[in-house]
C-alpha atoms as a PDB file:
ATOM      1  CA  MET A   1     -20.942  18.825  -6.205  1.00  0.00           C
ATOM      2  CA  SER A   2     -18.526  18.495  -3.257  1.00  0.00           C
ATOM      3  CA  MET A   3     -15.091  19.854  -3.311  1.00  0.00           C
ATOM      4  CA  ASN A   4     -13.752  17.099  -1.340  1.00  0.00           C
ATOM      5  CA  PRO A   5     -12.625  14.201  -3.550  1.00  0.00           C
ATOM      6  CA  GLY A   6     -13.210  11.511  -0.797  1.00  0.00           C
ATOM      7  CA  ASN A   7     -16.901  12.357  -0.747  1.00  0.00           C
ATOM      8  CA  LYS A   8     -17.175  10.322  -4.290  1.00  0.00           C
ATOM      9  CA  LEU A   9     -16.827   7.101  -2.357  1.00  0.00           C
ATOM     10  CA  LYS A  10     -18.671   7.788   0.823  1.00  0.00           C
ATOM     11  CA  ASP A  11     -21.630   6.012   1.342  1.00  0.00           C
ATOM     12  CA  GLU A  12     -23.357   3.945   4.109  1.00  0.00           C
ATOM     13  CA  ASN A  13     -22.090   0.557   2.665  1.00  0.00           C
ATOM     14  CA  LEU A  14     -18.423   1.597   2.895  1.00  0.00           C
ATOM     15  CA  ASP A  15     -18.815   3.039   6.269  1.00  0.00           C
ATOM     16  CA  PHE A  16     -20.091  -0.310   7.293  1.00  0.00           C
ATOM     17  CA  LEU A  17     -17.180  -1.952   5.707  1.00  0.00           C
ATOM     18  CA  PHE A  18     -14.388   0.400   6.997  1.00  0.00           C
ATOM     19  CA  SER A  19     -15.905   0.199  10.497  1.00  0.00           C
ATOM     20  CA  GLY A  20     -15.620  -3.387  10.397  1.00  0.00           C
ATOM     21  CA  ILE A  21     -12.127  -3.448   9.089  1.00  0.00           C
ATOM     22  CA  LEU A  22     -11.282  -1.179  12.065  1.00  0.00           C
ATOM     23  CA  LYS A  23     -12.186  -3.667  14.398  1.00  0.00           C
ATOM     24  CA  LEU A  24      -9.783  -6.121  13.059  1.00  0.00           C
ATOM     25  CA  GLU A  25      -6.901  -6.594  15.600  1.00  0.00           C
ATOM     26  CA  THR A  26      -4.280  -8.860  14.440  1.00  0.00           C
ATOM     27  CA  LEU A  27      -2.591  -9.944  11.062  1.00  0.00           C
ATOM     28  CA  ASP A  28      -4.482 -13.408  11.600  1.00  0.00           C
ATOM     29  CA  GLU A  29      -7.611 -11.463  11.749  1.00  0.00           C
ATOM     30  CA  CYS A  30      -7.015  -9.488   8.603  1.00  0.00           C
ATOM     31  CA  TYR A  31      -6.265 -12.861   6.634  1.00  0.00           C
ATOM     32  CA  GLN A  32      -9.485 -14.286   7.839  1.00  0.00           C
ATOM     33  CA  PHE A  33     -11.483 -11.294   6.889  1.00  0.00           C
ATOM     34  CA  PHE A  34      -9.898 -10.521   3.805  1.00  0.00           C
ATOM     35  CA  GLU A  35      -9.848 -14.089   2.508  1.00  0.00           C
ATOM     36  CA  ASP A  36     -13.674 -14.114   3.096  1.00  0.00           C
ATOM     37  CA  LEU A  37     -14.285 -10.764   1.639  1.00  0.00           C
ATOM     38  CA  CYS A  38     -11.928 -10.761  -1.541  1.00  0.00           C
ATOM     39  CA  THR A  39     -10.741 -12.981  -4.108  1.00  0.00           C
ATOM     40  CA  VAL A  40      -6.863 -14.049  -3.938  1.00  0.00           C
ATOM     41  CA  SER A  41      -6.334 -11.932  -6.952  1.00  0.00           C
ATOM     42  CA  GLU A  42      -7.886  -8.978  -5.321  1.00  0.00           C
ATOM     43  CA  ILE A  43      -5.994  -9.379  -2.492  1.00  0.00           C
ATOM     44  CA  LYS A  44      -2.862  -9.703  -4.298  1.00  0.00           C
ATOM     45  CA  ALA A  45      -3.626  -6.695  -6.442  1.00  0.00           C
ATOM     46  CA  MET A  46      -4.158  -4.535  -3.237  1.00  0.00           C
ATOM     47  CA  SER A  47      -1.036  -5.655  -1.685  1.00  0.00           C
ATOM     48  CA  GLN A  48       1.008  -5.278  -4.957  1.00  0.00           C
ATOM     49  CA  ARG A  49      -0.135  -1.656  -4.917  1.00  0.00           C
ATOM     50  CA  ALA A  50       1.113  -1.113  -1.511  1.00  0.00           C
ATOM     51  CA  VAL A  51       4.559  -2.613  -2.133  1.00  0.00           C
ATOM     52  CA  VAL A  52       4.720  -0.492  -5.480  1.00  0.00           C
ATOM     53  CA  ALA A  53       3.985   2.717  -3.430  1.00  0.00           C
ATOM     54  CA  LYS A  54       6.639   1.919  -0.793  1.00  0.00           C
ATOM     55  CA  MET A  55       9.187   1.260  -3.371  1.00  0.00           C
ATOM     56  CA  LEU A  56       8.203   4.447  -5.161  1.00  0.00           C
ATOM     57  CA  ARG A  57       8.576   6.341  -1.905  1.00  0.00           C
ATOM     58  CA  ASP A  58      12.247   4.864  -1.545  1.00  0.00           C
ATOM     59  CA  HIS A  59      12.986   6.090  -4.918  1.00  0.00           C
ATOM     60  CA  HIS A  60      13.121   2.796  -6.791  1.00  0.00           C
ATOM     61  CA  VAL A  61      12.793   3.057 -10.510  1.00  0.00           C
ATOM     62  CA  TYR A  62      10.127   1.356 -12.379  1.00  0.00           C
ATOM     63  CA  SER A  63      12.067  -1.331 -13.911  1.00  0.00           C
ATOM     64  CA  ASP A  64      13.240  -2.466 -10.262  1.00  0.00           C
ATOM     65  CA  ILE A  65       9.645  -2.226  -9.343  1.00  0.00           C
ATOM     66  CA  VAL A  66       8.454  -4.386 -12.028  1.00  0.00           C
ATOM     67  CA  GLY A  67      11.318  -6.747 -11.248  1.00  0.00           C
ATOM     68  CA  ARG A  68      10.292  -7.078  -7.690  1.00  0.00           C
ATOM     69  CA  THR A  69       6.609  -7.038  -7.870  1.00  0.00           C
ATOM     70  CA  GLY A  70       5.573  -8.084 -11.386  1.00  0.00           C
ATOM     71  CA  ALA A  71       3.354  -4.897 -11.463  1.00  0.00           C
ATOM     72  CA  SER A  72       2.844  -3.508 -15.052  1.00  0.00           C
ATOM     73  CA  THR A  73       3.931   0.139 -15.845  1.00  0.00           C
ATOM     74  CA  ALA A  74       0.363   1.068 -15.807  1.00  0.00           C
ATOM     75  CA  THR A  75      -0.295   0.138 -12.181  1.00  0.00           C
ATOM     76  CA  ILE A  76       3.009   1.559 -11.129  1.00  0.00           C
ATOM     77  CA  SER A  77       2.068   4.945 -13.159  1.00  0.00           C
ATOM     78  CA  ARG A  78      -1.531   4.918 -11.405  1.00  0.00           C
ATOM     79  CA  VAL A  79       0.077   4.475  -7.893  1.00  0.00           C
ATOM     80  CA  ASN A  80       2.699   7.091  -8.631  1.00  0.00           C
ATOM     81  CA  ARG A  81      -0.208   9.317  -9.529  1.00  0.00           C
ATOM     82  CA  SER A  82      -1.957   8.591  -6.244  1.00  0.00           C
ATOM     83  CA  LEU A  83       1.239   9.120  -4.366  1.00  0.00           C
ATOM     84  CA  ASN A  84       1.509  12.710  -6.134  1.00  0.00           C
ATOM     85  CA  TYR A  85      -1.926  13.823  -6.476  1.00  0.00           C
ATOM     86  CA  GLY A  86      -4.232  11.426  -4.152  1.00  0.00           C
ATOM     87  CA  ARG A  87      -5.363  11.997  -0.624  1.00  0.00           C
ATOM     88  CA  ASP A  88      -1.889  10.782   1.149  1.00  0.00           C
ATOM     89  CA  GLY A  89      -3.329   7.441   2.275  1.00  0.00           C
ATOM     90  CA  TYR A  90      -0.226   5.649   1.591  1.00  0.00           C
ATOM     91  CA  ASP A  91       1.836   7.961   3.365  1.00  0.00           C
ATOM     92  CA  MET A  92      -0.724   7.928   6.133  1.00  0.00           C
ATOM     93  CA  ILE A  93      -0.256   4.193   6.586  1.00  0.00           C
ATOM     94  CA  PHE A  94       3.613   4.187   6.117  1.00  0.00           C
ATOM     95  CA  GLY A  95       4.005   6.864   8.612  1.00  0.00           C
ATOM     96  CA  ARG A  96       1.924   4.831  11.174  1.00  0.00           C
ATOM     97  CA  MET A  97       4.000   1.530  10.522  1.00  0.00           C
ATOM     98  CA  THR A  98       6.835   0.724  12.892  1.00  0.00           C
ATOM     99  CA  GLU A  99      10.347   0.132  11.464  1.00  0.00           C
ATOM    100  CA  GLU A 100       9.849  -3.675  11.575  1.00  0.00           C
ATOM    101  CA  GLU A 101       6.552  -3.646   9.704  1.00  0.00           C
ATOM    102  CA  ARG A 102       8.108  -1.454   7.045  1.00  0.00           C
ATOM    103  CA  ARG A 103      11.018  -3.762   6.728  1.00  0.00           C
ATOM    104  CA  LEU A 104       8.611  -6.622   5.836  1.00  0.00           C
ATOM    105  CA  ILE A 105       8.834  -5.577   2.419  1.00  0.00           C
ATOM    106  CA  GLU A 106      12.803  -4.358   2.519  1.00  0.00           C
ATOM    107  CA  THR A 107      14.218  -4.351  -0.883  1.00  0.00           C
ATOM    108  CA  PRO A 108      17.946  -4.706  -1.982  1.00  0.00           C
ATOM    109  CA  LYS A 109      18.125  -0.911  -2.561  1.00  0.00           C
ATOM    110  CA  ASN A 110      17.036  -0.263   1.165  1.00  0.00           C
ATOM    111  CA  ALA A 111      19.235  -2.799   2.283  1.00  0.00           C
ATOM    112  CA  ALA A 112      22.318  -1.464   0.625  1.00  0.00           C
ATOM    113  CA  GLU A 113      21.416   2.178   1.733  1.00  0.00           C
ATOM    114  CA  GLU A 114      21.353   0.988   5.316  1.00  0.00           C
ATOM    115  CA  ASP A 115      24.435  -0.740   5.142  1.00  0.00           C
ATOM    116  CA  GLY A 116      26.180   2.239   3.873  1.00  0.00           C
ATOM    117  CA  GLU A 117      24.468   4.391   6.662  1.00  0.00           C
ATOM    118  CA  ALA A 118      25.803   1.970   9.292  1.00  0.00           C
ATOM    119  CA  GLN A 119      29.490   2.200   8.058  1.00  0.00           C
END
Protein backbone atom coordinates (compact mmCIF):
# COMPACT_ATOMS: atom_id res chain seq x y z
CA MET A 1 0.00 0.00 0.00
CA SER A 2 1.37 3.40 -0.97
CA MET A 3 1.93 6.10 1.63
CA ASN A 4 1.07 8.80 -0.94
CA PRO A 5 -2.66 9.55 -0.58
CA GLY A 6 -2.77 10.89 -4.15
CA ASN A 7 -2.05 7.44 -5.52
CA LYS A 8 -5.53 6.19 -4.59
CA LEU A 9 -6.88 8.12 -7.60
CA LYS A 10 -3.99 7.88 -10.04
CA ASP A 11 -4.65 5.80 -13.11
CA GLU A 12 -4.31 6.11 -16.88
CA ASN A 13 -7.88 7.34 -17.35
CA LEU A 14 -7.41 10.24 -14.94
CA ASP A 15 -3.99 11.02 -16.42
CA PHE A 16 -5.73 11.27 -19.81
CA LEU A 17 -8.51 13.51 -18.44
CA PHE A 18 -6.19 15.81 -16.49
CA SER A 19 -3.77 16.08 -19.43
CA GLY A 20 -6.70 17.25 -21.54
CA ILE A 21 -7.83 19.76 -18.91
CA LEU A 22 -4.31 21.20 -18.81
CA LYS A 23 -4.66 21.97 -22.54
CA LEU A 24 -7.58 24.36 -21.96
CA GLU A 25 -6.45 27.94 -22.44
CA THR A 26 -9.43 30.22 -21.74
CA LEU A 27 -12.51 30.40 -19.57
CA ASP A 28 -14.63 29.92 -22.70
CA GLU A 29 -12.74 26.71 -23.51
CA CYS A 30 -13.33 25.52 -19.93
CA TYR A 31 -17.05 26.20 -20.26
CA GLN A 32 -17.16 24.30 -23.56
CA PHE A 33 -15.29 21.29 -22.23
CA PHE A 34 -16.96 21.00 -18.85
CA GLU A 35 -20.45 21.44 -20.34
CA ASP A 36 -19.67 18.43 -22.54
CA LEU A 37 -18.04 16.42 -19.76
CA CYS A 38 -20.33 17.04 -16.79
CA THR A 39 -23.95 17.66 -15.97
CA VAL A 40 -24.93 21.16 -14.89
CA SER A 41 -25.41 19.82 -11.35
CA GLU A 42 -21.91 18.34 -11.28
CA ILE A 43 -20.33 21.59 -12.47
CA LYS A 44 -22.32 23.63 -9.96
CA ALA A 45 -21.35 21.25 -7.13
CA MET A 46 -17.66 21.63 -7.96
CA SER A 47 -17.89 25.40 -8.22
CA GLN A 48 -19.82 25.53 -4.94
CA ARG A 49 -17.02 23.62 -3.18
CA ALA A 50 -14.43 26.04 -4.55
CA VAL A 51 -16.40 29.04 -3.28
CA VAL A 52 -16.93 27.34 0.09
CA ALA A 53 -13.17 26.72 0.34
CA LYS A 54 -12.38 30.35 -0.48
CA MET A 55 -14.91 31.59 2.07
CA LEU A 56 -13.48 29.27 4.74
CA ARG A 57 -9.98 30.56 3.95
CA ASP A 58 -11.37 34.09 4.33
CA HIS A 59 -12.61 33.11 7.83
CA HIS A 60 -16.33 33.19 7.13
CA VAL A 61 -18.57 31.31 9.55
CA TYR A 62 -20.72 28.40 8.40
CA SER A 63 -23.96 30.40 8.53
CA ASP A 64 -22.51 33.05 6.18
CA ILE A 65 -21.29 30.33 3.81
CA VAL A 66 -24.67 28.57 3.81
CA GLY A 67 -26.39 31.89 3.08
CA ARG A 68 -24.00 32.85 0.24
CA THR A 69 -23.62 29.43 -1.42
CA GLY A 70 -26.58 27.30 -0.37
CA ALA A 71 -24.11 24.55 0.56
CA SER A 72 -25.14 22.12 3.27
CA THR A 73 -23.20 22.10 6.51
CA ALA A 74 -22.06 18.57 5.56
CA THR A 75 -20.52 19.94 2.35
CA ILE A 76 -18.89 22.81 4.24
CA SER A 77 -17.49 20.37 6.79
CA ARG A 78 -16.12 18.13 4.05
CA VAL A 79 -14.42 21.07 2.31
CA ASN A 80 -13.07 22.27 5.65
CA ARG A 81 -11.62 18.81 6.29
CA SER A 82 -9.94 18.94 2.86
CA LEU A 83 -8.50 22.36 3.64
CA ASN A 84 -7.11 21.16 6.95
CA TYR A 85 -6.07 17.59 6.17
CA GLY A 86 -6.11 17.28 2.38
CA ARG A 87 -3.44 17.67 -0.27
CA ASP A 88 -3.45 21.50 -0.38
CA GLY A 89 -5.11 21.59 -3.80
CA TYR A 90 -7.45 24.46 -2.96
CA ASP A 91 -4.61 26.58 -1.56
CA MET A 92 -2.44 25.80 -4.59
CA ILE A 93 -5.16 27.11 -6.90
CA PHE A 94 -5.93 30.16 -4.75
CA GLY A 95 -2.24 30.99 -4.61
CA ARG A 96 -1.97 30.92 -8.40
CA MET A 97 -5.05 33.05 -9.04
CA THR A 98 -4.60 36.74 -9.68
CA GLU A 99 -6.20 39.23 -7.32
CA GLU A 100 -8.77 39.94 -10.03
CA GLU A 101 -9.64 36.24 -10.30
CA ARG A 102 -9.98 35.90 -6.52
CA ARG A 103 -12.34 38.89 -6.52
CA LEU A 104 -14.75 37.04 -8.83
CA ILE A 105 -16.27 35.55 -5.67
CA GLU A 106 -15.79 38.58 -3.46
CA THR A 107 -18.10 38.45 -0.49
CA PRO A 108 -19.41 41.29 1.69
CA LYS A 109 -16.98 40.37 4.48
CA ASN A 110 -14.03 40.64 2.08
CA ALA A 111 -15.22 44.00 0.77
CA ALA A 112 -15.74 45.38 4.29
CA GLU A 113 -12.27 44.24 5.38
CA GLU A 114 -10.65 45.85 2.35
CA ASP A 115 -12.59 49.09 2.83
CA GLY A 116 -11.27 49.19 6.41
CA GLU A 117 -7.73 48.62 5.16
CA ALA A 118 -8.04 51.45 2.65
CA GLN A 119 -8.96 54.00 5.31
